[in-house]
């Protein structure tokens, strides 16, 4: 597998894309599927940043949190409209899935 396909490289690239995209202020109040998008953004950002800072590794607590957030994303995605900027959430979903998968394999 080429280095650019490694989960860490993909998450890093997606993270950079997410950080360069503007945050629509409307998302500060949005709660599709009963999930506060602003809080989800903050929690996911923390997990992603920590995972990248730890060079693709997580402890059990962080892995559990990421999986909880991944389930929340899976509830939110079908409810999003174009005004909710679904690209942000699709990238978050992809990053959370890669982190969860990579961390699971590392734990085995």
Protein backbone atom coordinates (compact mmCIF):
# COMPACT_ATOMS: atom_id res chain seq x y z
CA UNK A 1 0.00 0.00 0.00
CA UNK A 2 1.52 3.38 -0.97
CA UNK A 3 2.28 5.67 1.97
CA UNK A 4 -0.35 8.18 0.80
CA UNK A 5 -3.02 5.48 1.25
CA UNK A 6 -2.02 4.83 4.86
CA UNK A 7 -4.83 5.79 7.26
CA UNK A 8 -2.67 8.44 8.96
CA UNK A 9 -1.93 10.16 5.63
CA UNK A 10 -5.57 10.04 4.54
CA UNK A 11 -6.83 11.38 7.89
CA UNK A 12 -4.18 14.11 7.82
CA UNK A 13 -5.22 15.19 4.32
CA UNK A 14 -8.93 15.14 5.17
CA UNK A 15 -8.24 17.02 8.41
CA UNK A 16 -6.38 19.75 6.51
CA UNK A 17 -9.28 20.01 4.04
CA UNK A 18 -11.75 20.31 6.92
CA UNK A 19 -9.73 22.98 8.69
CA UNK A 20 -9.47 25.08 5.51
CA UNK A 21 -13.22 25.03 4.85
CA UNK A 22 -15.32 27.81 6.32
CA UNK A 23 -17.77 26.92 9.09
CA UNK A 24 -21.30 28.12 8.33
CA UNK A 25 -22.55 29.97 11.43
CA UNK A 26 -25.94 28.31 10.95
CA UNK A 27 -24.34 25.05 12.15
CA UNK A 28 -23.87 26.55 15.62
CA UNK A 29 -27.61 26.05 16.19
CA UNK A 30 -28.33 22.99 14.01
CA UNK A 31 -29.44 19.72 15.63
CA UNK A 32 -30.38 17.20 12.93
CA UNK A 33 -31.47 13.86 14.41
CA UNK A 34 -31.23 15.57 17.81
CA UNK A 35 -27.44 15.87 17.57
CA UNK A 36 -25.82 19.26 18.29
CA UNK A 37 -23.55 19.76 15.27
CA UNK A 38 -21.33 22.35 16.97
CA UNK A 39 -20.66 19.99 19.89
CA UNK A 40 -20.10 17.09 17.49
CA UNK A 41 -17.57 19.20 15.58
CA UNK A 42 -15.67 20.08 18.76
CA UNK A 43 -15.57 16.50 20.04
CA UNK A 44 -14.57 15.02 16.69
CA UNK A 45 -11.93 17.69 16.20
CA UNK A 46 -10.43 16.80 19.56
CA UNK A 47 -10.36 13.09 18.75
CA UNK A 48 -8.86 13.61 15.31
CA UNK A 49 -6.23 16.05 16.58
CA UNK A 50 -5.27 13.68 19.42
CA UNK A 51 -5.07 10.68 17.09
CA UNK A 52 -2.85 12.54 14.63
CA UNK A 53 -0.71 13.96 17.45
CA UNK A 54 -0.24 10.40 18.80
CA UNK A 55 0.83 9.21 15.34
CA UNK A 56 -2.22 7.09 14.68
CA UNK A 57 -2.69 5.57 18.08
CA UNK A 58 -5.40 5.81 20.73
CA UNK A 59 -6.08 4.48 24.17
CA UNK A 60 -9.30 2.57 24.87
CA UNK A 61 -11.16 5.64 26.16
CA UNK A 62 -10.42 7.71 23.05
CA UNK A 63 -11.32 4.81 20.78
CA UNK A 64 -14.66 4.39 22.57
CA UNK A 65 -15.38 8.13 22.23
CA UNK A 66 -14.56 8.03 18.52
CA UNK A 67 -16.93 5.10 18.00
CA UNK A 68 -19.73 6.91 19.87
CA UNK A 69 -19.20 9.95 17.65
CA UNK A 70 -19.13 7.75 14.56
CA UNK A 71 -22.57 6.39 15.51
CA UNK A 72 -23.84 9.95 16.00
CA UNK A 73 -22.53 10.86 12.56
CA UNK A 74 -24.34 7.88 11.07
CA UNK A 75 -27.58 9.21 12.58
CA UNK A 76 -26.92 12.74 11.36
CA UNK A 77 -25.80 12.13 7.78
CA UNK A 78 -29.20 11.11 6.35
CA UNK A 79 -30.83 14.18 7.96
CA UNK A 80 -28.46 16.80 6.54
CA UNK A 81 -29.46 19.36 3.96
CA UNK A 82 -27.15 21.32 1.67
CA UNK A 83 -27.33 24.17 4.18
CA UNK A 84 -25.71 21.87 6.76
CA UNK A 85 -22.62 21.55 4.54
CA UNK A 86 -22.68 17.74 4.29
CA UNK A 87 -19.10 17.66 2.91
CA UNK A 88 -17.81 18.52 6.39
CA UNK A 89 -19.72 15.64 7.96
CA UNK A 90 -18.87 13.14 5.24
CA UNK A 91 -15.18 13.92 5.76
CA UNK A 92 -15.62 13.57 9.52
CA UNK A 93 -17.32 10.23 8.98
CA UNK A 94 -14.50 9.00 6.78
CA UNK A 95 -11.88 10.14 9.29
CA UNK A 96 -13.72 8.61 12.26
CA UNK A 97 -14.14 5.33 10.37
CA UNK A 98 -10.45 5.20 9.44
CA UNK A 99 -9.40 6.00 13.00
CA UNK A 100 -11.75 3.39 14.44
CA UNK A 101 -10.62 0.72 11.97
CA UNK A 102 -6.89 1.49 12.36
CA UNK A 103 -7.12 1.67 16.16
CA UNK A 104 -9.00 -1.63 16.30
CA UNK A 105 -6.33 -3.37 14.26
CA UNK A 106 -3.56 -1.83 16.36
CA UNK A 107 -5.20 -3.14 19.54
CA UNK A 108 -5.20 -6.73 18.25
